[in-house]
Amino acid sequence: MSDPALRVQGLGKRYRIGHRQPDRSLAATLNGVIRAPFRRLTSVVRPRGEGEAADDLWALKDVTFEVAPGEVIGLVGANGAGKTTLLKILSRITEPTEGHADIWGTVGALLEVGTGFHPELTGRENVYLNGAILGMRKAEIAAAFDEIVAFSEVERFLDTPVKRYSTGMYVRLAFSVAAHLNPDILVVDEVLSVGDASFRKKSLGKMSEVAGAGRTVLLVSHNMSAIKSLAQRVLWLDRGRLREIGDPRDVVNRYLAGNEVDGESGTFGADHLEPRRVRLPKYRGEMRLESVRLLDAAGQVTGAYLEDAEVFLELTFEVRVAVQALEIFVRVRTTDGQLVFTGLPGKRLAPIQPGRLRVRLRFGLSPLLPGVYQGDVILLSHLPQDNVSPAFRFEVIPDPQSAEDDRTVLVPGGAGSFESTHATLGLIRVRASWVDVERIDAEVVS
């Protein structure tokens, strides 16, 4: 059986919080001897141990996995989960506290934009410098030089010191060097989230090309679309420990479902809803939204959906007085507030007694392009009762198994555009329907 490209066994990294590691170099020792008398004169007597308390922080603990040659692994996890620490260990930037990592082949790392660039050197000189840091020979760098420069689109400024570059130019050149050279293993940390939209799209295409060429890639990103599109497996780190590794769709969906930090959990309770409740005199409050859950077709809670999927929206709310009708509006918007569509499942004309109800609605995502959306929930019973805006968020993710299509994109009109009677209903017609209505608490609310 052939060796893997990478094998990690029991890897752990511990940091000491509140404690400065001693510098045992000769210069530090001599400096300490010279300064010691002055420290004694100026020191303040403190209780023993004051100011020296230290806590152990395990950025990684007992992490074990293997990566096959040519495999693309996505790393996901909340901020502070240990993703960057893991990549730094694999790149030999820092040493592990315990365990070991065996690597077969050369490693090229792009952990921070511009790492290895010298501000006083020109772009041309930094291409060669950065390539050498990544372990490439001069002939290899020269062979890829023209392609690197063309991709970065900084030809005009190639002989200008990079200290005069904008952040975007820095990003372009740094990514181009790492992506166009040929280490056996490419380690990339959050590079696909920087730069302008055009460059991010271009970078994603290049990473797809690199992955298709058979190179091993470890990719960290909070862009779940990129992770699902590129990775063959996803590794989920949670507070320094390996929580799960497996199929990109399954792992990413479970990560988003349990990721309360990013607000993409698929479950939105009172803590989320209450601050977003619209408080106007016209909202009578005879019905009050209590929770929202987003489900997939299998009934699993999730905050991420592939294109063309169906969203099942589960609403739990309280009915405080008997009402003669039930109507629900669901407005879906972009994160910058542009109305996309309004789901109108119709009015239920039947007396509803006080208590708590759980309602499940369904709407399709086929017209929506990948991105993050948020939704308002409005409850009515002839009169407006409650409005939470936004009540939930979800992400539409491109299906990595589907090729690019030529769908028509509907672009909202800007200020001063032609007004129509359909303006309050959005730009896309989405069919919405009831699934069921279930009484879960028939007690009369006093």
Protein backbone atom coordinates (compact mmCIF):
# COMPACT_ATOMS: atom_id res chain seq x y z
CA MET A 1 0.00 0.00 0.00
CA SER A 2 1.42 3.43 -0.98
CA ASP A 3 2.27 5.98 1.66
CA PRO A 4 -0.18 8.80 2.33
CA ALA A 5 0.80 12.36 1.52
CA LEU A 6 0.27 13.29 5.15
CA ARG A 7 -0.22 11.38 8.40
CA VAL A 8 -1.07 13.11 11.69
CA GLN A 9 -1.00 11.07 14.89
CA GLY A 10 -2.06 12.29 18.33
CA LEU A 11 -1.11 15.87 17.52
CA GLY A 12 -1.37 18.43 20.31
CA LYS A 13 -0.23 22.01 20.82
CA ARG A 14 -0.27 23.70 24.23
CA TYR A 15 0.19 27.39 24.93
CA ARG A 16 0.82 28.98 28.32
CA ILE A 17 -1.54 31.88 28.95
CA GLY A 18 -0.26 34.64 31.24
CA HIS A 19 3.28 33.29 31.32
CA ARG A 20 6.28 34.50 29.35
CA GLN A 21 8.57 31.76 28.11
CA PRO A 22 12.20 32.38 29.21
CA ASP A 23 14.74 33.38 26.56
CA ARG A 24 17.83 31.27 27.17
CA SER A 25 20.04 32.80 24.47
CA LEU A 26 23.52 34.18 25.40
CA ALA A 27 22.49 37.75 24.58
CA ALA A 28 19.39 37.50 26.79
CA THR A 29 21.46 36.05 29.65
CA LEU A 30 24.06 38.85 29.50
CA ASN A 31 21.30 41.45 29.26
CA GLY A 32 19.65 39.97 32.34
CA VAL A 33 22.90 40.10 34.33
CA ILE A 34 23.44 43.77 33.45
CA ARG A 35 19.87 44.79 34.27
CA ALA A 36 19.49 42.75 37.46
CA PRO A 37 20.76 45.43 39.92
CA PHE A 38 18.43 48.03 38.44
CA ARG A 39 15.46 45.67 38.61
CA ARG A 40 16.14 45.13 42.33
CA LEU A 41 16.16 48.89 42.92
CA THR A 42 12.97 49.58 41.02
CA SER A 43 11.01 46.44 41.75
CA VAL A 44 7.84 46.43 43.83
CA VAL A 45 7.46 43.73 46.46
CA ARG A 46 4.53 41.51 45.52
CA PRO A 47 3.09 38.40 47.09
CA ARG A 48 4.74 35.29 45.80
CA GLY A 49 3.28 34.20 42.48
CA GLU A 50 1.35 37.42 41.83
CA GLY A 51 1.29 38.24 38.13
CA GLU A 52 2.78 34.84 37.24
CA ALA A 53 -0.31 32.68 37.15
CA ALA A 54 -0.49 30.63 34.00
CA ASP A 55 -3.24 28.64 32.32
CA ASP A 56 -2.76 25.89 29.80
CA LEU A 57 -4.56 26.40 26.50
CA TRP A 58 -4.61 23.39 24.22
CA ALA A 59 -5.03 24.87 20.74
CA LEU A 60 -4.95 21.27 19.46
CA LYS A 61 -5.46 18.04 21.36
CA ASP A 62 -5.21 14.42 20.18
CA VAL A 63 -5.78 15.13 16.46
CA THR A 64 -5.32 12.09 14.19
CA PHE A 65 -6.02 11.73 10.46
CA GLU A 66 -4.46 10.81 7.10
CA VAL A 67 -4.54 12.52 3.71
CA ALA A 68 -4.05 10.57 0.50
CA PRO A 69 -1.88 11.94 -2.34
CA GLY A 70 -3.91 14.26 -4.57
CA GLU A 71 -6.72 14.64 -2.02
CA VAL A 72 -8.28 18.01 -1.23
CA ILE A 73 -9.16 18.44 2.45
CA GLY A 74 -11.25 21.33 3.71
CA LEU A 75 -10.84 22.47 7.32
CA VAL A 76 -13.82 24.08 9.04
CA GLY A 77 -14.43 25.29 12.57
CA ALA A 78 -15.21 28.40 14.56
CA ASN A 79 -12.57 31.06 15.22
CA GLY A 80 -10.10 29.64 17.72
CA ALA A 81 -10.85 26.03 16.83
CA GLY A 82 -7.19 25.34 15.99
CA LYS A 83 -7.26 25.39 12.18
CA THR A 84 -4.38 27.83 11.68
CA THR A 85 -2.35 26.17 14.45
CA LEU A 86 -2.69 22.84 12.66
CA LEU A 87 -1.52 24.35 9.36
CA LYS A 88 1.45 26.03 11.06
CA ILE A 89 2.54 22.69 12.51
CA LEU A 90 2.19 20.98 9.13
CA SER A 91 4.17 23.82 7.53
CA ARG A 92 6.96 23.40 10.13
CA ILE A 93 6.45 26.96 11.39
CA THR A 94 5.80 25.77 14.94
CA GLU A 95 6.50 22.55 16.81
CA PRO A 96 3.78 20.38 18.37
CA THR A 97 3.69 19.80 22.11
CA GLU A 98 2.80 16.15 21.61
CA GLY A 99 2.23 13.72 18.77
CA HIS A 100 3.76 13.98 15.32
CA ALA A 101 3.00 14.72 11.68
CA ASP A 102 4.68 12.76 8.86
CA ILE A 103 4.78 14.45 5.45
CA TRP A 104 5.85 12.94 2.15
CA GLY A 105 6.90 15.66 -0.30
CA THR A 106 7.42 19.40 -0.32
CA VAL A 107 4.98 21.78 1.36
CA GLY A 108 3.97 25.20 0.09
CA ALA A 109 2.10 27.33 2.60
CA LEU A 110 0.07 30.50 2.17
CA LEU A 111 -1.03 31.16 5.73
CA GLU A 112 -1.12 34.95 5.66
CA VAL A 113 -1.28 37.20 2.65
CA GLY A 114 2.20 38.45 1.82
CA THR A 115 4.03 36.09 4.17
CA GLY A 116 7.63 35.97 2.98
CA PHE A 117 7.41 39.26 1.10
CA HIS A 118 9.97 41.95 1.85
CA PRO A 119 8.47 45.45 1.68
CA GLU A 120 11.63 47.07 0.26
CA LEU A 121 11.91 44.59 -2.63
CA THR A 122 9.98 44.95 -5.88
CA GLY A 123 7.18 42.66 -6.95
CA ARG A 124 9.56 40.90 -9.36
CA GLU A 125 12.14 40.29 -6.63
CA ASN A 126 9.51 39.10 -4.19
CA VAL A 127 8.22 36.51 -6.65
CA TYR A 128 11.67 34.89 -6.62
CA LEU A 129 12.09 35.38 -2.86
CA ASN A 130 8.68 33.93 -2.02
CA GLY A 131 9.17 31.04 -4.43
CA ALA A 132 12.49 30.20 -2.76
CA ILE A 133 10.83 30.28 0.67
CA LEU A 134 8.26 27.82 -0.67
CA GLY A 135 11.14 25.51 -1.63
CA MET A 136 11.22 26.08 -5.38
CA ARG A 137 14.40 26.26 -7.47
CA LYS A 138 15.16 29.41 -9.48
CA ALA A 139 14.56 27.59 -12.78
CA GLU A 140 11.10 26.48 -11.61
CA ILE A 141 10.19 30.02 -10.58
CA ALA A 142 11.44 31.44 -13.89
CA ALA A 143 9.39 28.90 -15.86
CA ALA A 144 6.18 29.96 -14.08
CA PHE A 145 7.04 33.67 -13.82
CA ASP A 146 5.02 34.97 -16.78
CA GLU A 147 1.94 33.00 -15.73
CA ILE A 148 2.24 34.27 -12.14
CA VAL A 149 2.43 37.89 -13.25
CA ALA A 150 -0.43 37.55 -15.74
CA PHE A 151 -2.71 36.00 -13.11
CA SER A 152 -1.87 38.67 -10.52
CA GLU A 153 -2.60 41.53 -12.95
CA VAL A 154 0.16 43.71 -11.47
CA GLU A 155 2.43 43.81 -14.54
CA ARG A 156 2.51 47.60 -14.53
CA PHE A 157 3.84 47.71 -10.97
CA LEU A 158 6.13 44.71 -11.12
CA ASP A 159 9.29 46.77 -10.56
CA THR A 160 7.78 48.88 -7.76
CA PRO A 161 8.60 48.06 -4.10
CA VAL A 162 5.68 46.12 -2.65
CA LYS A 163 5.48 48.51 0.32
CA ARG A 164 3.73 50.84 -2.14
CA TYR A 165 1.18 48.16 -3.17
CA SER A 166 -2.40 48.29 -2.08
CA THR A 167 -3.71 45.38 0.00
CA GLY A 168 -5.48 44.04 -3.09
CA MET A 169 -2.27 44.04 -5.13
CA TYR A 170 -0.45 42.29 -2.28
CA VAL A 171 -3.17 39.65 -2.21
CA ARG A 172 -3.03 39.05 -5.94
CA LEU A 173 0.72 38.61 -6.12
CA ALA A 174 1.05 36.48 -2.98
CA PHE A 175 -1.72 34.10 -4.03
CA SER A 176 -0.37 33.89 -7.58
CA VAL A 177 3.07 32.78 -6.39
CA ALA A 178 1.69 30.07 -4.10
CA ALA A 179 -0.86 28.78 -6.61
CA HIS A 180 1.40 28.62 -9.67
CA LEU A 181 4.41 26.90 -8.15
CA ASN A 182 4.46 23.17 -7.64
CA PRO A 183 4.84 21.92 -4.08
CA ASP A 184 3.50 18.42 -3.49
CA ILE A 185 1.23 19.72 -0.72
CA LEU A 186 -0.37 23.17 -0.82
CA VAL A 187 -1.59 24.62 2.49
CA VAL A 188 -3.92 27.62 2.17
CA ASP A 189 -5.50 29.59 5.04
CA GLU A 190 -8.40 31.99 4.33
CA VAL A 191 -6.92 33.36 1.11
CA LEU A 192 -10.18 32.87 -0.79
CA SER A 193 -11.93 35.37 1.49
CA VAL A 194 -9.72 38.35 0.65
CA GLY A 195 -9.48 40.61 -2.36
CA ASP A 196 -12.29 41.92 -4.53
CA ALA A 197 -15.16 39.78 -5.80
CA SER A 198 -13.60 39.31 -9.23
CA PHE A 199 -10.30 38.11 -7.79
CA ARG A 200 -12.04 35.78 -5.31
CA LYS A 201 -13.88 34.15 -8.20
CA LYS A 202 -10.63 33.88 -10.17
CA SER A 203 -8.82 32.41 -7.16
CA LEU A 204 -11.55 29.84 -6.62
CA GLY A 205 -11.20 28.76 -10.24
CA LYS A 206 -7.44 28.46 -9.84
CA MET A 207 -7.79 26.37 -6.68
CA SER A 208 -10.19 24.10 -8.54
CA GLU A 209 -7.59 23.74 -11.29
CA VAL A 210 -4.84 22.99 -8.74
CA ALA A 211 -7.02 20.37 -7.07
CA GLY A 212 -7.83 18.79 -10.43
CA ALA A 213 -4.14 18.54 -11.28
CA GLY A 214 -3.60 15.94 -8.55
CA ARG A 215 -1.86 18.06 -5.93
CA THR A 216 -2.69 17.56 -2.27
CA VAL A 217 -4.42 20.62 -0.84
CA LEU A 218 -5.36 21.59 2.72
CA LEU A 219 -7.77 24.49 2.58
CA VAL A 220 -9.07 26.57 5.51
CA SER A 221 -11.97 28.87 4.74
CA HIS A 222 -15.14 30.27 6.29
CA ASN A 223 -16.54 30.29 2.74
CA MET A 224 -18.65 27.14 2.87
CA SER A 225 -19.35 27.39 -0.86
CA ALA A 226 -15.63 27.09 -1.60
CA ILE A 227 -15.21 24.21 0.86
CA LYS A 228 -18.10 22.24 -0.62
CA SER A 229 -17.05 22.94 -4.20
CA LEU A 230 -13.37 22.02 -3.82
CA ALA A 231 -12.96 19.52 -0.98
CA GLN A 232 -13.25 15.76 -1.28
CA ARG A 233 -13.40 15.44 2.50
CA VAL A 234 -13.93 17.98 5.26
CA LEU A 235 -12.24 17.98 8.65
CA TRP A 236 -14.18 19.73 11.42
CA LEU A 237 -12.15 21.06 14.36
CA ASP A 238 -14.00 22.07 17.52
CA ARG A 239 -12.04 23.72 20.36
CA GLY A 240 -8.83 22.03 19.32
CA ARG A 241 -10.22 18.53 18.86
CA LEU A 242 -11.14 16.64 15.73
CA ARG A 243 -14.90 16.39 15.89
CA GLU A 244 -15.60 14.80 12.52
CA ILE A 245 -14.06 14.06 9.13
CA GLY A 246 -16.05 12.93 6.13
CA ASP A 247 -18.23 13.90 3.18
CA PRO A 248 -18.22 17.69 2.54
CA ARG A 249 -21.99 18.08 2.39
CA ASP A 250 -22.69 16.10 5.54
CA VAL A 251 -19.91 17.57 7.66
CA VAL A 252 -20.47 21.18 6.57
CA ASN A 253 -24.21 20.93 7.16
CA ARG A 254 -23.68 19.50 10.64
CA TYR A 255 -21.05 22.16 11.36
CA LEU A 256 -23.43 24.94 10.33
CA ALA A 257 -26.30 23.35 12.24
CA GLY A 258 -24.27 23.38 15.45
CA ASN A 259 -22.37 26.62 14.88
CA GLU A 260 -24.03 29.11 17.19
CA VAL A 261 -21.09 31.50 16.86
CA ASP A 262 -21.82 32.27 13.22
CA GLY A 263 -25.59 32.45 13.69
CA GLU A 264 -26.07 29.90 10.88
CA SER A 265 -27.33 27.11 13.14
CA GLY A 266 -30.75 26.63 11.58
CA THR A 267 -32.37 27.11 15.01
CA PHE A 268 -33.46 30.55 16.20
CA GLY A 269 -34.96 30.88 19.67
CA ALA A 270 -36.10 33.69 21.93
CA ASP A 271 -32.61 35.14 22.42
CA HIS A 272 -32.37 35.70 18.68
CA LEU A 273 -35.97 36.70 17.98
CA GLU A 274 -36.74 39.13 20.80
CA PRO A 275 -34.23 41.87 19.88
CA ARG A 276 -35.46 41.71 16.26
CA ARG A 277 -39.17 41.95 17.00
CA VAL A 278 -40.82 44.95 15.31
CA ARG A 279 -42.68 47.02 17.90
CA LEU A 280 -45.35 49.18 16.28
CA PRO A 281 -48.88 49.99 17.54
CA LYS A 282 -50.46 48.12 14.63
CA TYR A 283 -49.00 44.79 15.79
CA ARG A 284 -51.57 43.56 18.28
CA GLY A 285 -49.56 40.72 19.80
CA GLU A 286 -52.46 38.24 19.93
CA MET A 287 -50.06 35.80 18.26
CA ARG A 288 -46.37 35.80 19.13
CA LEU A 289 -43.51 33.98 17.38
CA GLU A 290 -41.40 31.87 19.78
CA SER A 291 -38.93 29.95 17.64
CA VAL A 292 -37.88 29.17 14.07
CA ARG A 293 -36.15 26.06 12.78
CA LEU A 294 -34.84 25.41 9.27
CA LEU A 295 -35.05 21.78 8.14
CA ASP A 296 -34.00 19.85 5.05
CA ALA A 297 -36.10 17.29 3.20
CA ALA A 298 -34.97 14.58 5.65
CA GLY A 299 -36.14 16.63 8.63
CA GLN A 300 -32.62 17.49 9.80
CA VAL A 301 -31.89 20.96 11.18
CA THR A 302 -29.46 22.85 8.95
CA GLY A 303 -28.44 26.35 8.00
CA ALA A 304 -27.07 25.45 4.56
CA TYR A 305 -28.82 24.17 1.44
CA LEU A 306 -27.64 23.12 -1.98
CA GLU A 307 -29.07 24.92 -4.98
CA ASP A 308 -32.50 23.67 -6.07
CA ALA A 309 -33.23 22.25 -2.60
CA GLU A 310 -36.40 22.82 -0.60
CA VAL A 311 -36.45 24.64 2.73
CA PHE A 312 -38.87 23.47 5.41
CA LEU A 313 -39.52 26.34 7.78
CA GLU A 314 -40.83 25.28 11.19
CA LEU A 315 -42.45 28.08 13.22
CA THR A 316 -43.57 27.75 16.83
CA PHE A 317 -45.82 30.51 18.11
CA GLU A 318 -48.28 31.32 20.85
CA VAL A 319 -51.94 32.18 20.23
CA ARG A 320 -53.05 34.35 23.14
CA VAL A 321 -56.74 34.85 22.27
CA ALA A 322 -59.12 33.00 19.98
CA VAL A 323 -58.61 34.13 16.36
CA GLN A 324 -60.71 33.46 13.26
CA ALA A 325 -57.91 33.17 10.71
CA LEU A 326 -54.20 32.43 10.39
CA GLU A 327 -51.97 33.91 7.74
CA ILE A 328 -48.17 33.90 7.52
CA PHE A 329 -45.87 35.98 5.34
CA VAL A 330 -42.25 34.92 4.88
CA ARG A 331 -40.09 37.57 3.22
CA VAL A 332 -36.61 36.51 2.10
CA ARG A 333 -33.96 39.17 1.59
CA THR A 334 -30.29 39.46 0.80
CA THR A 335 -28.05 40.36 3.75
CA ASP A 336 -28.01 43.99 2.59
CA GLY A 337 -31.81 44.15 2.76
CA GLN A 338 -32.83 43.68 -0.89
CA LEU A 339 -36.18 41.89 -1.04
CA VAL A 340 -35.89 38.67 -3.07
CA PHE A 341 -39.33 37.10 -2.67
CA THR A 342 -42.31 36.80 -0.37
CA GLY A 343 -43.74 33.37 0.45
CA LEU A 344 -47.54 33.48 0.74
CA PRO A 345 -48.86 30.02 1.63
CA GLY A 346 -52.44 31.30 1.90
CA LYS A 347 -54.90 32.02 4.69
CA ARG A 348 -56.31 29.40 7.05
CA LEU A 349 -59.94 30.42 7.73
CA ALA A 350 -60.78 28.42 10.86
CA PRO A 351 -61.24 29.40 14.49
CA ILE A 352 -58.02 28.84 16.46
CA GLN A 353 -58.23 28.61 20.22
CA PRO A 354 -55.54 29.97 22.55
CA GLY A 355 -52.46 27.80 22.94
CA ARG A 356 -49.20 27.08 21.14
CA LEU A 357 -48.96 25.99 17.51
CA ARG A 358 -46.19 24.53 15.42
CA VAL A 359 -46.49 25.27 11.70
CA ARG A 360 -44.30 23.91 8.94
CA LEU A 361 -44.01 25.72 5.59
CA ARG A 362 -42.10 24.77 2.47
CA PHE A 363 -40.51 26.79 -0.30
CA GLY A 364 -38.05 25.97 -3.07
CA LEU A 365 -34.64 27.54 -3.67
CA SER A 366 -34.30 26.85 -7.40
CA PRO A 367 -34.37 30.54 -8.43
CA LEU A 368 -31.74 31.57 -5.87
CA LEU A 369 -28.05 31.95 -6.60
CA PRO A 370 -25.50 30.84 -3.97
CA GLY A 371 -25.17 33.26 -1.08
CA VAL A 372 -26.44 34.09 2.39
CA TYR A 373 -30.07 35.16 2.83
CA GLN A 374 -32.21 36.25 5.76
CA GLY A 375 -35.93 36.01 6.30
CA ASP A 376 -38.71 37.93 8.04
CA VAL A 377 -41.72 36.20 9.60
CA ILE A 378 -45.04 38.08 9.87
CA LEU A 379 -48.07 36.59 11.64
CA LEU A 380 -51.58 37.86 10.81
CA SER A 381 -55.19 37.08 11.68
CA HIS A 382 -57.06 39.64 9.60
CA LEU A 383 -54.94 42.17 11.52
CA PRO A 384 -51.13 42.22 11.90
CA GLN A 385 -50.08 40.36 15.03
CA ASP A 386 -46.28 39.92 15.10
CA ASN A 387 -43.28 40.74 12.91
CA VAL A 388 -39.70 39.56 13.48
CA SER A 389 -37.16 40.95 11.04
CA PRO A 390 -34.93 39.14 10.41
CA ALA A 391 -36.16 35.97 12.06
CA PHE A 392 -33.73 33.52 10.42
CA ARG A 393 -30.72 33.17 8.13
CA PHE A 394 -29.61 30.46 5.71
CA GLU A 395 -26.97 29.87 3.05
CA VAL A 396 -27.46 28.56 -0.49
CA ILE A 397 -24.42 26.56 -1.57
CA PRO A 398 -23.48 25.49 -5.11
CA ASP A 399 -23.81 21.78 -5.73
CA PRO A 400 -20.27 20.52 -6.45
CA GLN A 401 -21.79 17.73 -8.59
CA SER A 402 -23.50 20.18 -10.95
CA ALA A 403 -21.83 22.04 -13.77
CA GLU A 404 -22.19 25.78 -14.23
CA ASP A 405 -25.46 26.65 -15.95
CA ASP A 406 -26.66 29.60 -17.97
CA ARG A 407 -29.50 30.62 -15.70
CA THR A 408 -30.87 34.12 -16.09
CA VAL A 409 -29.97 36.32 -13.14
CA LEU A 410 -32.62 38.83 -12.08
CA VAL A 411 -30.96 42.03 -10.94
CA PRO A 412 -32.96 44.35 -8.70
CA GLY A 413 -33.53 47.87 -9.99
CA GLY A 414 -31.75 50.73 -8.26
CA ALA A 415 -33.09 53.92 -6.79
CA GLY A 416 -35.54 55.64 -9.08
CA SER A 417 -36.34 52.48 -11.03
CA PHE A 418 -39.82 51.90 -12.40
CA GLU A 419 -42.34 51.24 -9.64
CA SER A 420 -44.89 48.44 -10.01
CA THR A 421 -47.67 46.94 -7.95
CA HIS A 422 -45.46 43.88 -7.42
CA ALA A 423 -42.67 45.81 -5.67
CA THR A 424 -43.68 44.59 -2.21
CA LEU A 425 -43.59 40.94 -3.30
CA GLY A 426 -40.01 40.80 -4.55
CA LEU A 427 -38.64 39.83 -7.94
CA ILE A 428 -39.07 36.06 -8.06
CA ARG A 429 -42.22 33.95 -7.89
CA VAL A 430 -41.74 31.10 -5.42
CA ARG A 431 -44.51 28.62 -4.79
CA ALA A 432 -45.23 28.18 -1.07
CA SER A 433 -47.63 25.75 0.54
CA TRP A 434 -48.70 24.44 3.94
CA VAL A 435 -47.33 21.12 5.12
CA ASP A 436 -49.11 20.70 8.44
CA VAL A 437 -50.37 22.51 11.52
CA GLU A 438 -49.94 20.77 14.86
CA ARG A 439 -51.32 21.85 18.23
CA ILE A 440 -48.68 21.33 20.91
CA ASP A 441 -50.24 23.17 23.87
CA ALA A 442 -54.00 23.73 24.18
CA GLU A 443 -53.86 25.54 27.52
CA VAL A 444 -55.60 28.88 27.63
CA VAL A 445 -53.18 31.73 28.11
CA SER A 446 -54.23 33.93 30.98
